[in-house]
Structure formats: C-alpha cells, structure tokens
C-alpha cells in the first residue's frame, strides 16, 4: 500500500494534484499553530528569571535554527535520491527547498544576533555555532547560485545535489559545536535524554512554533515544487490538458 502510494507520488502529474489538495490543510495548520504559539509564547509564558522578556525571541530563533538544519538534510537526501534513482521529483524537492532553507538560516542568524546583544553585549562573535551556521547560509546560497548558473535542469540538479551532499558534514558540526568547543551558546535544553531543562510553559509554545515552521516549509516547498514541475513538464500532455481546462 505505502509502496504504491510513494510510487504514485513520484509521478509529476499525481504529485501536482495531490499537493494541490494538501496545501489548504497545511496553510490552515500553519496559521492556527503560529497564532497559538505566539499567544502562549508572548502572552502566557512568564518572564525568564535571568533574561526577563528578552528571551521571548527564542520562540522564533530556535525553531528557525532547527529548520535550517532540517531542511538542509532533506535537501541533501532528496538530492541523493535524484542522483541514484534519477527521480525528477526528488530533484525538484531538493532545489525547491534551498531558498526556504536559506531564509530560515538568515532568520536564525538575525534573531540570534538580536538576542545576543543584550545577553552577550555584542551583535556578533566568531562563536563556533554562529560561524558554522553562517557557513550553512553560504552553502544554501552557493547551491542556489550553482543551480541558476546551469541552463540544463538535469545537470544543474546533479551538480547541486553533489554540493549539498558534501555540505552535510557541516550539520553535525553545528549541532555538536556547543559540546565540542567552548562557545557562548548554552547546551541543549529540549533534546536531552533525561528531561528538558526548560519549563513546560515555555516548552509548549516552542514546540508549537517548531511544528508551525515545519508546516510552513512544507507549504512553501510544495508551491515552489508545483511551479517547477509545470515548468519541466510544460510540453507533456497532462500539462497541456491542465492549461486548457483553466
């Protein structure tokens, strides 16, 4: 059953129709979870005993940082599938994710700097995590630039997939940088084996925003992928029928 579903999903025609039906649900979930997360994070959650209200930027900064890593792994994984099995839809998902991932990485860096100013007394330091996150932004931008520089879509997809796969080495560096080096960033507070060292009133809105950001990513990447699919399949019969039916 599942194998048949994923086999059908790899078809550009089926993907276009299925993603179109999925988008309204993703948009609704994103809006509801974002409103709930912001309400509980900005209104209901108490001030931090050390940072006061300035910590509330965490509800945007932390999910953005998580998404910057998550999207890159998805992009590299989809690129690898496209390289090995030559599935065009995997190539489309990979490159459609790049700009969204770059946006989340940029947002994480900006909000981190805003948060760091009152906490560290400076906008930027060459901290191990900050530096490796900046490198991640450059990887995203490099992949986008490489894809735009090559006219042939299949060759561009293979080249960007290779670059994305090579760049995966930076992901564990970002994740474990606070443990491997002496950095200004605090250690993990949510993903701990014993128990999260963050109060439930702060953890719930943080997780709500994290899920909301994932829904936003899915929504945007599907919209971009649909446009890319139509561009690549513009000479096929099903696209011509779709245009004629509009």
Protein backbone atom coordinates (compact mmCIF):
# COMPACT_ATOMS: atom_id res chain seq x y z
CA UNK A 1 0.00 0.00 0.00
CA UNK A 2 2.65 2.50 1.07
CA UNK A 3 4.99 1.43 -1.73
CA UNK A 4 2.21 2.02 -4.24
CA UNK A 5 1.48 5.45 -2.74
CA UNK A 6 5.12 6.61 -2.90
CA UNK A 7 5.47 5.18 -6.39
CA UNK A 8 2.46 7.23 -7.50
CA UNK A 9 3.73 10.29 -5.63
CA UNK A 10 6.93 10.20 -7.69
CA UNK A 11 4.80 10.86 -10.77
CA UNK A 12 4.78 14.62 -11.54
CA UNK A 13 1.11 14.50 -12.57
CA UNK A 14 -0.02 12.74 -9.39
CA UNK A 15 2.22 14.94 -7.23
CA UNK A 16 0.72 18.09 -8.72
CA UNK A 17 -2.83 17.01 -7.96
CA UNK A 18 -2.07 15.58 -4.50
CA UNK A 19 -0.05 18.62 -3.38
CA UNK A 20 -2.82 20.95 -4.54
CA UNK A 21 -5.29 19.17 -2.26
CA UNK A 22 -2.80 19.20 0.63
CA UNK A 23 -1.91 22.90 0.52
CA UNK A 24 -5.09 24.30 2.16
CA UNK A 25 -4.67 21.93 5.12
CA UNK A 26 -1.04 22.91 5.55
CA UNK A 27 -1.91 26.61 5.40
CA UNK A 28 -4.69 26.20 7.98
CA UNK A 29 -2.46 24.23 10.34
CA UNK A 30 0.36 26.75 9.98
CA UNK A 31 -1.88 29.71 10.80
CA UNK A 32 -3.54 28.06 13.80
CA UNK A 33 -0.30 26.75 15.31
CA UNK A 34 1.50 30.05 14.74
CA UNK A 35 -1.26 32.02 16.47
CA UNK A 36 -1.31 29.56 19.37
CA UNK A 37 2.47 29.51 19.66
CA UNK A 38 2.78 33.29 19.63
CA UNK A 39 -0.04 33.70 22.13
CA UNK A 40 1.37 31.22 24.62
CA UNK A 41 4.94 32.38 24.00
CA UNK A 42 4.43 36.15 24.10
CA UNK A 43 1.44 36.43 26.46
CA UNK A 44 1.05 33.36 28.67
CA UNK A 45 4.67 32.31 29.23
CA UNK A 46 6.24 34.01 32.28
CA UNK A 47 9.37 36.18 32.03
CA UNK A 48 12.66 34.35 32.46
CA UNK A 49 14.24 34.83 35.89
CA UNK A 50 17.55 35.92 34.32
CA UNK A 51 16.72 37.30 30.87
CA UNK A 52 13.34 38.84 31.57
CA UNK A 53 11.20 39.24 28.46
CA UNK A 54 14.13 39.37 26.04
CA UNK A 55 14.23 35.57 25.90
CA UNK A 56 10.90 35.53 24.01
CA UNK A 57 12.74 35.89 20.70
CA UNK A 58 13.63 32.25 21.35
CA UNK A 59 10.21 31.24 20.01
CA UNK A 60 11.31 32.40 16.55
CA UNK A 61 15.08 31.94 16.79
CA UNK A 62 15.22 28.33 17.98
CA UNK A 63 12.65 26.88 15.52
CA UNK A 64 14.37 28.80 12.70
CA UNK A 65 17.72 27.28 13.65
CA UNK A 66 16.17 23.81 13.83
CA UNK A 67 14.58 24.31 10.40
CA UNK A 68 17.86 25.47 8.85
CA UNK A 69 19.40 22.09 9.71
CA UNK A 70 16.30 20.01 8.96
CA UNK A 71 15.76 21.49 5.51
CA UNK A 72 19.39 21.03 4.51
CA UNK A 73 19.25 17.34 5.45
CA UNK A 74 16.02 16.96 3.46
CA UNK A 75 17.60 18.76 0.51
CA UNK A 76 20.72 16.60 0.57
CA UNK A 77 18.64 13.43 0.98
CA UNK A 78 16.37 14.32 -1.93
CA UNK A 79 19.43 15.23 -4.00
CA UNK A 80 20.98 11.83 -3.25
CA UNK A 81 17.75 10.07 -4.30
CA UNK A 82 17.78 12.07 -7.52
CA UNK A 83 21.40 11.11 -8.17
CA UNK A 84 20.96 7.40 -7.52
CA UNK A 85 17.48 6.68 -8.87
CA UNK A 86 17.17 9.63 -11.28
CA UNK A 87 13.76 10.59 -9.88
CA UNK A 88 12.92 14.03 -11.25
CA UNK A 89 10.55 14.89 -8.41
CA UNK A 90 13.36 14.35 -5.87
CA UNK A 91 15.48 16.83 -7.80
CA UNK A 92 12.59 19.30 -7.76
CA UNK A 93 12.07 18.96 -3.99
CA UNK A 94 15.80 19.40 -3.38
CA UNK A 95 16.22 22.66 -5.25
CA UNK A 96 12.81 23.98 -4.17
CA UNK A 97 13.97 23.62 -0.55
CA UNK A 98 17.12 25.70 -0.99
CA UNK A 99 15.62 29.20 -0.84
CA UNK A 100 13.34 28.26 2.07
CA UNK A 101 16.30 26.85 3.98
CA UNK A 102 18.38 29.93 3.26
CA UNK A 103 15.56 32.12 4.59
CA UNK A 104 15.32 30.17 7.84
CA UNK A 105 19.11 30.24 8.25
CA UNK A 106 19.19 34.00 7.71
CA UNK A 107 16.32 34.44 10.19
CA UNK A 108 18.16 32.32 12.76
CA UNK A 109 21.32 34.41 12.39
CA UNK A 110 19.46 37.74 12.61
CA UNK A 111 17.30 36.79 15.59
CA UNK A 112 20.34 35.24 17.27
CA UNK A 113 22.23 38.49 16.90
CA UNK A 114 19.28 40.47 18.31
CA UNK A 115 19.06 38.05 21.23
CA UNK A 116 22.82 38.07 21.73
CA UNK A 117 23.17 41.85 22.03
CA UNK A 118 21.56 42.18 25.50
CA UNK A 119 22.82 38.77 26.64
CA UNK A 120 26.45 38.89 25.42
CA UNK A 121 26.89 42.62 24.95
CA UNK A 122 27.64 42.29 21.22
CA UNK A 123 25.78 41.62 17.98
CA UNK A 124 28.25 39.06 16.69
CA UNK A 125 31.15 36.93 17.84
CA UNK A 126 33.02 34.29 15.90
CA UNK A 127 31.46 31.64 18.09
CA UNK A 128 31.71 28.06 16.76
CA UNK A 129 27.95 27.71 16.30
CA UNK A 130 27.49 31.17 14.80
CA UNK A 131 30.35 30.61 12.37
CA UNK A 132 29.16 27.15 11.28
CA UNK A 133 25.60 28.47 10.88
CA UNK A 134 26.96 31.28 8.69
CA UNK A 135 28.77 28.66 6.60
CA UNK A 136 25.42 26.88 6.23
CA UNK A 137 23.90 30.07 4.82
CA UNK A 138 26.75 30.29 2.30
CA UNK A 139 26.14 26.65 1.33
CA UNK A 140 22.47 27.40 0.67
CA UNK A 141 23.35 30.48 -1.39
CA UNK A 142 26.05 28.56 -3.26
CA UNK A 143 23.58 25.82 -4.19
CA UNK A 144 21.05 28.39 -5.42
CA UNK A 145 23.71 30.23 -7.45
CA UNK A 146 25.05 26.98 -8.96
CA UNK A 147 21.58 25.87 -9.98
CA UNK A 148 20.82 29.21 -11.62
CA UNK A 149 24.16 29.22 -13.45
CA UNK A 150 23.44 25.97 -15.35
CA UNK A 151 20.76 26.02 -18.04
CA UNK A 152 20.20 22.26 -18.25
CA UNK A 153 17.89 21.37 -15.33
CA UNK A 154 19.10 17.77 -15.01
CA UNK A 155 22.78 18.72 -14.99
CA UNK A 156 22.06 21.56 -12.55
CA UNK A 157 20.20 19.15 -10.26
CA UNK A 158 23.11 16.70 -10.21
CA UNK A 159 25.67 19.43 -9.55
CA UNK A 160 23.67 20.96 -6.69
CA UNK A 161 22.98 17.51 -5.24
CA UNK A 162 26.70 16.77 -5.04
CA UNK A 163 27.38 20.13 -3.37
CA UNK A 164 24.52 19.56 -0.91
CA UNK A 165 25.76 16.08 -0.01
CA UNK A 166 29.30 17.34 0.56
CA UNK A 167 27.97 20.15 2.74
CA UNK A 168 26.15 17.72 5.06
CA UNK A 169 29.40 17.45 7.04
CA UNK A 170 28.58 20.90 8.44
CA UNK A 171 25.31 19.75 10.04
CA UNK A 172 26.80 17.70 12.92
CA UNK A 173 29.38 20.46 13.42
CA UNK A 174 26.57 22.96 14.01
CA UNK A 175 24.63 20.59 16.24
CA UNK A 176 27.53 19.48 18.45
CA UNK A 177 29.56 22.69 18.38
CA UNK A 178 28.45 23.69 21.89
CA UNK A 179 29.72 20.36 23.20
CA UNK A 180 32.93 20.12 21.18
CA UNK A 181 34.14 23.69 21.77
CA UNK A 182 33.87 26.38 24.42
CA UNK A 183 31.13 28.59 22.96
CA UNK A 184 28.80 31.30 24.20
CA UNK A 185 25.78 29.21 23.29
CA UNK A 186 24.14 27.20 26.04
CA UNK A 187 23.93 23.43 25.76
CA UNK A 188 20.80 21.52 24.70
CA UNK A 189 17.72 22.20 26.81
CA UNK A 190 14.99 20.39 24.86
CA UNK A 191 16.69 17.38 23.25
CA UNK A 192 18.11 15.85 26.40
CA UNK A 193 17.97 12.16 27.30
CA UNK A 194 16.80 12.73 30.88
CA UNK A 195 14.35 15.66 30.78
CA UNK A 196 14.19 19.06 29.08
CA UNK A 197 15.65 21.78 31.31
CA UNK A 198 13.01 24.26 30.22
CA UNK A 199 9.72 24.98 31.96
CA UNK A 200 6.60 23.49 30.40
CA UNK A 201 5.07 26.95 29.96
CA UNK A 202 7.98 27.81 27.65
CA UNK A 203 8.41 24.37 26.08
CA UNK A 204 4.84 24.10 24.77
CA UNK A 205 4.87 27.35 22.71
CA UNK A 206 8.38 26.50 21.50
CA UNK A 207 7.19 23.13 20.17
CA UNK A 208 4.05 24.73 18.70
CA UNK A 209 6.20 27.18 16.75
CA UNK A 210 8.54 24.38 15.67
CA UNK A 211 5.63 22.40 14.18
CA UNK A 212 4.19 25.58 12.63
CA UNK A 213 7.51 26.30 10.91
CA UNK A 214 7.61 22.76 9.54
CA UNK A 215 4.12 23.18 8.11
CA UNK A 216 5.20 26.49 6.59
CA UNK A 217 8.19 24.80 4.98
CA UNK A 218 6.01 22.04 3.54
CA UNK A 219 3.53 24.58 2.24
CA UNK A 220 6.11 26.78 0.53
CA UNK A 221 8.22 23.95 -0.85
CA UNK A 222 5.14 22.30 -2.35
CA UNK A 223 4.09 25.56 -4.01
CA UNK A 224 7.59 26.06 -5.43
CA UNK A 225 7.80 22.42 -6.49
CA UNK A 226 4.45 22.67 -8.29
CA UNK A 227 5.74 25.62 -10.31
CA UNK A 228 8.98 23.76 -11.07
CA UNK A 229 7.07 20.65 -12.14
CA UNK A 230 4.88 22.66 -14.51
CA UNK A 231 8.00 24.31 -15.98
CA UNK A 232 9.74 20.98 -16.54
CA UNK A 233 6.65 19.17 -17.82
CA UNK A 234 5.27 22.03 -19.92
CA UNK A 235 5.44 20.01 -23.15
CA UNK A 236 3.67 16.94 -21.79
CA UNK A 237 0.06 16.06 -22.48
CA UNK A 238 -1.20 16.34 -18.91
CA UNK A 239 0.14 19.90 -18.53
CA UNK A 240 -1.46 20.93 -21.82
CA UNK A 241 -4.77 19.46 -20.65
CA UNK A 242 -4.39 21.28 -17.33
CA UNK A 243 -3.82 24.61 -19.10
CA UNK A 244 -6.76 24.06 -21.45
CA UNK A 245 -9.07 23.25 -18.54
CA UNK A 246 -8.31 26.53 -16.75
